[in-house]
């Protein structure tokens, strides 16, 4: 069987459908999740300058949703102080 130009066009289209479309959907959903998370942070009253991002917005396969790990500069300072001088209980 001889491969024609039409075959390669169809193959390229199928590869785009299999890889490109899901990638576009994930990118759009990640942006929507990022906006929703940022809106929640704003609604909660945390100033944007105080937010420290520990891990960026990503999809969690285990729980089936998007998440982003953040903290505030104040909590980060407390955590660093605790790590430098842990309170040991005997």
C-alpha atoms as a PDB file:
ATOM      1  CA  UNK A   1       0.000   0.000   0.000  1.00  0.00           C
ATOM      2  CA  UNK A   2       1.425   3.315  -1.053  1.00  0.00           C
ATOM      3  CA  UNK A   3       1.091   6.191   1.408  1.00  0.00           C
ATOM      4  CA  UNK A   4      -0.298   9.320  -0.121  1.00  0.00           C
ATOM      5  CA  UNK A   5      -0.285  12.935   0.854  1.00  0.00           C
ATOM      6  CA  UNK A   6      -3.901  12.555   1.966  1.00  0.00           C
ATOM      7  CA  UNK A   7      -2.873   9.796   4.414  1.00  0.00           C
ATOM      8  CA  UNK A   8      -0.353  12.080   6.138  1.00  0.00           C
ATOM      9  CA  UNK A   9      -2.928  14.880   6.401  1.00  0.00           C
ATOM     10  CA  UNK A  10      -5.400  12.541   8.080  1.00  0.00           C
ATOM     11  CA  UNK A  11      -2.682  11.126  10.361  1.00  0.00           C
ATOM     12  CA  UNK A  12      -1.622  14.643  11.407  1.00  0.00           C
ATOM     13  CA  UNK A  13      -5.234  15.576  12.106  1.00  0.00           C
ATOM     14  CA  UNK A  14      -5.742  12.466  14.254  1.00  0.00           C
ATOM     15  CA  UNK A  15      -2.552  13.173  16.217  1.00  0.00           C
ATOM     16  CA  UNK A  16      -3.752  16.739  16.785  1.00  0.00           C
ATOM     17  CA  UNK A  17      -7.121  15.445  17.988  1.00  0.00           C
ATOM     18  CA  UNK A  18      -5.488  12.932  20.329  1.00  0.00           C
ATOM     19  CA  UNK A  19      -2.896  15.291  21.830  1.00  0.00           C
ATOM     20  CA  UNK A  20      -3.724  18.879  20.964  1.00  0.00           C
ATOM     21  CA  UNK A  21      -7.368  19.076  21.957  1.00  0.00           C
ATOM     22  CA  UNK A  22      -6.904  17.530  25.431  1.00  0.00           C
ATOM     23  CA  UNK A  23      -3.887  19.806  26.020  1.00  0.00           C
ATOM     24  CA  UNK A  24      -5.974  22.863  25.117  1.00  0.00           C
ATOM     25  CA  UNK A  25      -8.787  21.719  27.424  1.00  0.00           C
ATOM     26  CA  UNK A  26      -6.372  21.180  30.332  1.00  0.00           C
ATOM     27  CA  UNK A  27      -4.800  24.618  29.762  1.00  0.00           C
ATOM     28  CA  UNK A  28      -8.214  26.324  29.745  1.00  0.00           C
ATOM     29  CA  UNK A  29      -9.369  24.465  32.865  1.00  0.00           C
ATOM     30  CA  UNK A  30      -6.105  25.279  34.651  1.00  0.00           C
ATOM     31  CA  UNK A  31      -6.612  28.983  33.906  1.00  0.00           C
ATOM     32  CA  UNK A  32     -10.194  28.824  35.190  1.00  0.00           C
ATOM     33  CA  UNK A  33      -9.034  27.063  38.356  1.00  0.00           C
ATOM     34  CA  UNK A  34      -6.271  29.633  38.846  1.00  0.00           C
ATOM     35  CA  UNK A  35      -8.812  32.461  38.554  1.00  0.00           C
ATOM     36  CA  UNK A  36     -11.200  30.766  40.994  1.00  0.00           C
ATOM     37  CA  UNK A  37      -8.422  30.134  43.522  1.00  0.00           C
ATOM     38  CA  UNK A  38      -7.201  33.727  43.271  1.00  0.00           C
ATOM     39  CA  UNK A  39     -10.754  35.011  43.714  1.00  0.00           C
ATOM     40  CA  UNK A  40     -11.157  32.856  46.823  1.00  0.00           C
ATOM     41  CA  UNK A  41      -7.898  34.233  48.245  1.00  0.00           C
ATOM     42  CA  UNK A  42      -9.129  37.777  47.587  1.00  0.00           C
ATOM     43  CA  UNK A  43     -12.528  37.028  49.119  1.00  0.00           C
ATOM     44  CA  UNK A  44     -10.822  35.558  52.170  1.00  0.00           C
ATOM     45  CA  UNK A  45      -9.046  38.892  52.670  1.00  0.00           C
ATOM     46  CA  UNK A  46      -5.438  37.878  52.115  1.00  0.00           C
ATOM     47  CA  UNK A  47      -3.460  40.639  50.361  1.00  0.00           C
ATOM     48  CA  UNK A  48      -1.875  39.496  47.107  1.00  0.00           C
ATOM     49  CA  UNK A  49       1.525  40.745  48.279  1.00  0.00           C
ATOM     50  CA  UNK A  50       1.406  38.392  51.282  1.00  0.00           C
ATOM     51  CA  UNK A  51       0.742  35.190  49.296  1.00  0.00           C
ATOM     52  CA  UNK A  52       3.630  32.774  48.761  1.00  0.00           C
ATOM     53  CA  UNK A  53       3.026  30.029  46.207  1.00  0.00           C
ATOM     54  CA  UNK A  54       4.550  26.712  47.236  1.00  0.00           C
ATOM     55  CA  UNK A  55       3.270  24.695  44.268  1.00  0.00           C
ATOM     56  CA  UNK A  56       1.511  26.038  41.169  1.00  0.00           C
ATOM     57  CA  UNK A  57      -2.011  25.178  40.095  1.00  0.00           C
ATOM     58  CA  UNK A  58      -2.136  21.584  38.866  1.00  0.00           C
ATOM     59  CA  UNK A  59      -4.636  18.804  38.316  1.00  0.00           C
ATOM     60  CA  UNK A  60      -4.786  16.148  41.024  1.00  0.00           C
ATOM     61  CA  UNK A  61      -5.653  12.773  39.500  1.00  0.00           C
ATOM     62  CA  UNK A  62      -6.272  11.177  42.898  1.00  0.00           C
ATOM     63  CA  UNK A  63      -9.004  13.614  43.917  1.00  0.00           C
ATOM     64  CA  UNK A  64     -10.103  14.745  40.467  1.00  0.00           C
ATOM     65  CA  UNK A  65      -9.667  18.465  40.891  1.00  0.00           C
ATOM     66  CA  UNK A  66      -7.259  21.355  40.643  1.00  0.00           C
ATOM     67  CA  UNK A  67      -5.189  22.511  43.591  1.00  0.00           C
ATOM     68  CA  UNK A  68      -2.563  25.078  44.455  1.00  0.00           C
ATOM     69  CA  UNK A  69      -0.472  25.075  47.610  1.00  0.00           C
ATOM     70  CA  UNK A  70       0.010  28.525  49.107  1.00  0.00           C
ATOM     71  CA  UNK A  71       0.902  30.158  52.395  1.00  0.00           C
ATOM     72  CA  UNK A  72       1.417  33.668  53.665  1.00  0.00           C
ATOM     73  CA  UNK A  73       4.713  35.364  54.384  1.00  0.00           C
ATOM     74  CA  UNK A  74       3.793  35.522  58.081  1.00  0.00           C
ATOM     75  CA  UNK A  75       3.096  31.775  58.272  1.00  0.00           C
ATOM     76  CA  UNK A  76       6.279  31.055  56.294  1.00  0.00           C
ATOM     77  CA  UNK A  77       8.310  33.055  58.849  1.00  0.00           C
ATOM     78  CA  UNK A  78       6.675  31.128  61.709  1.00  0.00           C
ATOM     79  CA  UNK A  79       7.456  27.827  60.016  1.00  0.00           C
ATOM     80  CA  UNK A  80      11.093  28.783  59.431  1.00  0.00           C
ATOM     81  CA  UNK A  81      11.440  29.850  63.070  1.00  0.00           C
ATOM     82  CA  UNK A  82       9.943  26.540  64.187  1.00  0.00           C
ATOM     83  CA  UNK A  83      12.322  24.554  61.988  1.00  0.00           C
ATOM     84  CA  UNK A  84      15.309  26.439  63.341  1.00  0.00           C
ATOM     85  CA  UNK A  85      14.217  25.948  66.981  1.00  0.00           C
ATOM     86  CA  UNK A  86      11.863  22.981  67.237  1.00  0.00           C
ATOM     87  CA  UNK A  87       9.958  22.625  70.470  1.00  0.00           C
ATOM     88  CA  UNK A  88      10.732  19.230  71.879  1.00  0.00           C
ATOM     89  CA  UNK A  89       8.467  17.686  74.475  1.00  0.00           C
ATOM     90  CA  UNK A  90       9.902  15.201  76.927  1.00  0.00           C
END
